[in-house]
């Protein structure tokens, strides 16, 4: 059995469309792969967070996510949001520095009990990584 130290620490920031109101989400992690079997890919690690709060907006909106830096080579991060207020979740979405749609057609006025699931997937090609931190920014934008 080979030991691996692939670790990811996530901090989240939920931002309203106006960028004037922001709510800090709890830190998730570390999401750590602590062991791997020689000849096999490491197992994905999952972390969860929940957001409940009042975010007032008008019309249909979408929620996008982007990271402050790309993931290390040989790793991916998927994010899944439960759909708040009549929206449609797009399921597990691989995120990076480009804003990616997570939920579409959200209707006003609240975002309550939104579950955020992070899936960190390293491959053998990633090797042993030091503690790596990423900040996920969630932005509410006009839809469509």
Protein backbone atom coordinates (compact mmCIF):
# COMPACT_ATOMS: atom_id res chain seq x y z
CA UNK A 1 0.00 0.00 0.00
CA UNK A 2 1.38 3.37 -1.01
CA UNK A 3 0.65 6.45 1.10
CA UNK A 4 -0.43 9.64 -0.58
CA UNK A 5 -0.88 13.11 0.86
CA UNK A 6 -3.15 14.73 -1.69
CA UNK A 7 -5.08 17.40 0.23
CA UNK A 8 -7.43 20.22 -0.70
CA UNK A 9 -8.87 22.87 1.60
CA UNK A 10 -11.84 24.88 0.31
CA UNK A 11 -13.18 28.21 1.39
CA UNK A 12 -16.38 29.50 -0.13
CA UNK A 13 -17.80 32.91 -0.84
CA UNK A 14 -21.38 33.46 -1.95
CA UNK A 15 -21.92 36.74 -3.74
CA UNK A 16 -25.12 38.47 -4.80
CA UNK A 17 -25.57 39.76 -8.35
CA UNK A 18 -24.94 43.34 -7.30
CA UNK A 19 -21.67 42.28 -5.64
CA UNK A 20 -22.66 44.53 -2.75
CA UNK A 21 -23.85 41.74 -0.50
CA UNK A 22 -21.61 38.79 0.23
CA UNK A 23 -21.92 35.93 2.67
CA UNK A 24 -19.00 33.81 3.81
CA UNK A 25 -19.62 30.07 3.59
CA UNK A 26 -18.03 27.66 6.03
CA UNK A 27 -14.64 26.24 5.05
CA UNK A 28 -14.78 22.68 3.79
CA UNK A 29 -11.94 20.30 4.33
CA UNK A 30 -9.37 19.37 4.28
CA UNK A 31 -10.46 16.88 1.63
CA UNK A 32 -7.55 14.49 1.94
CA UNK A 33 -6.65 11.26 0.20
CA UNK A 34 -4.55 9.60 2.87
CA UNK A 35 -3.96 6.19 1.30
CA UNK A 36 -3.86 4.70 -2.17
CA UNK A 37 -3.30 1.15 -3.35
CA UNK A 38 -0.38 0.65 -5.73
CA UNK A 39 -1.63 0.25 -9.31
CA UNK A 40 -5.04 1.79 -8.54
CA UNK A 41 -6.40 5.31 -8.86
CA UNK A 42 -7.03 7.14 -5.56
CA UNK A 43 -10.62 7.27 -4.35
CA UNK A 44 -12.51 10.57 -4.65
CA UNK A 45 -13.13 12.50 -1.43
CA UNK A 46 -16.42 14.30 -0.74
CA UNK A 47 -17.11 17.28 1.54
CA UNK A 48 -20.41 19.05 2.18
CA UNK A 49 -21.55 22.48 3.30
CA UNK A 50 -24.96 24.13 3.65
CA UNK A 51 -25.98 27.71 3.00
CA UNK A 52 -29.15 29.30 4.32
CA UNK A 53 -29.70 32.99 4.09
CA UNK A 54 -31.75 35.75 2.61
CA UNK A 55 -30.57 36.93 -0.79
CA UNK A 56 -33.13 39.23 -2.38
CA UNK A 57 -33.23 39.42 -6.17
CA UNK A 58 -35.78 39.90 -8.95
CA UNK A 59 -36.41 37.72 -11.99
CA UNK A 60 -34.83 34.40 -12.82
CA UNK A 61 -31.19 33.94 -11.89
CA UNK A 62 -28.42 31.38 -12.26
CA UNK A 63 -25.65 30.45 -9.83
CA UNK A 64 -22.13 30.12 -11.21
CA UNK A 65 -18.92 29.00 -9.51
CA UNK A 66 -15.29 29.73 -10.24
CA UNK A 67 -12.07 28.98 -8.38
CA UNK A 68 -9.34 31.50 -7.55
CA UNK A 69 -6.78 29.21 -9.23
CA UNK A 70 -6.93 26.09 -11.39
CA UNK A 71 -6.62 22.74 -9.69
CA UNK A 72 -3.20 21.06 -9.62
CA UNK A 73 -2.36 18.82 -12.59
CA UNK A 74 -3.95 15.40 -12.22
CA UNK A 75 -6.80 16.58 -9.97
CA UNK A 76 -10.35 17.82 -10.50
CA UNK A 77 -12.95 19.43 -8.29
CA UNK A 78 -16.64 18.95 -8.93
CA UNK A 79 -19.32 21.04 -7.24
CA UNK A 80 -23.02 20.21 -6.94
CA UNK A 81 -25.60 22.62 -5.54
CA UNK A 82 -29.13 21.64 -4.64
CA UNK A 83 -31.53 23.79 -6.59
CA UNK A 84 -33.05 26.58 -4.49
CA UNK A 85 -36.41 28.27 -5.16
CA UNK A 86 -37.58 26.39 -8.24
CA UNK A 87 -34.19 26.30 -9.97
CA UNK A 88 -32.63 23.37 -11.80
CA UNK A 89 -29.36 21.89 -10.56
CA UNK A 90 -26.94 20.87 -13.32
CA UNK A 91 -25.52 18.13 -11.10
CA UNK A 92 -21.79 17.59 -10.58
CA UNK A 93 -19.91 20.27 -12.52
CA UNK A 94 -16.11 20.35 -12.86
CA UNK A 95 -14.99 23.83 -11.78
CA UNK A 96 -11.90 25.90 -12.53
CA UNK A 97 -11.08 29.60 -12.95
CA UNK A 98 -13.87 30.03 -15.53
CA UNK A 99 -17.36 30.71 -14.14
CA UNK A 100 -19.41 27.52 -14.62
CA UNK A 101 -23.21 27.25 -14.32
CA UNK A 102 -24.29 25.14 -11.34
CA UNK A 103 -27.97 26.04 -11.05
CA UNK A 104 -30.25 27.73 -13.59
CA UNK A 105 -33.72 29.34 -13.47
CA UNK A 106 -33.65 30.22 -9.74
CA UNK A 107 -36.66 32.32 -8.77
CA UNK A 108 -36.89 34.95 -6.02
CA UNK A 109 -36.59 35.74 -3.23
CA UNK A 110 -34.52 33.38 -1.05
CA UNK A 111 -31.71 30.84 -1.06
CA UNK A 112 -32.53 28.53 1.85
CA UNK A 113 -30.96 25.20 2.78
CA UNK A 114 -28.74 25.01 -0.28
CA UNK A 115 -26.41 22.02 0.04
CA UNK A 116 -23.02 22.35 -1.59
CA UNK A 117 -21.18 19.10 -2.30
CA UNK A 118 -17.51 19.12 -3.28
CA UNK A 119 -15.92 16.05 -4.90
CA UNK A 120 -12.13 16.13 -5.07
CA UNK A 121 -10.70 13.56 -7.48
CA UNK A 122 -6.94 13.07 -7.79
CA UNK A 123 -5.30 10.66 -10.21
CA UNK A 124 -2.05 8.77 -9.82
CA UNK A 125 -0.51 11.38 -12.17
CA UNK A 126 -1.02 14.03 -9.45
CA UNK A 127 1.60 12.42 -7.26
CA UNK A 128 1.99 13.63 -3.69
CA UNK A 129 0.78 17.20 -3.30
CA UNK A 130 1.28 19.61 -0.42
CA UNK A 131 -1.74 21.17 1.24
CA UNK A 132 -3.49 23.10 -1.52
CA UNK A 133 -6.12 25.78 -0.88
CA UNK A 134 -8.76 27.00 -3.32
CA UNK A 135 -11.49 29.59 -2.85
CA UNK A 136 -14.76 28.93 -4.64
CA UNK A 137 -16.70 32.09 -5.56
CA UNK A 138 -20.44 31.62 -6.11
CA UNK A 139 -22.12 34.37 -8.10
CA UNK A 140 -25.80 35.02 -8.76
CA UNK A 141 -26.32 36.20 -12.36
CA UNK A 142 -29.32 36.97 -14.56
CA UNK A 143 -30.82 33.96 -16.36
CA UNK A 144 -31.03 33.17 -19.23
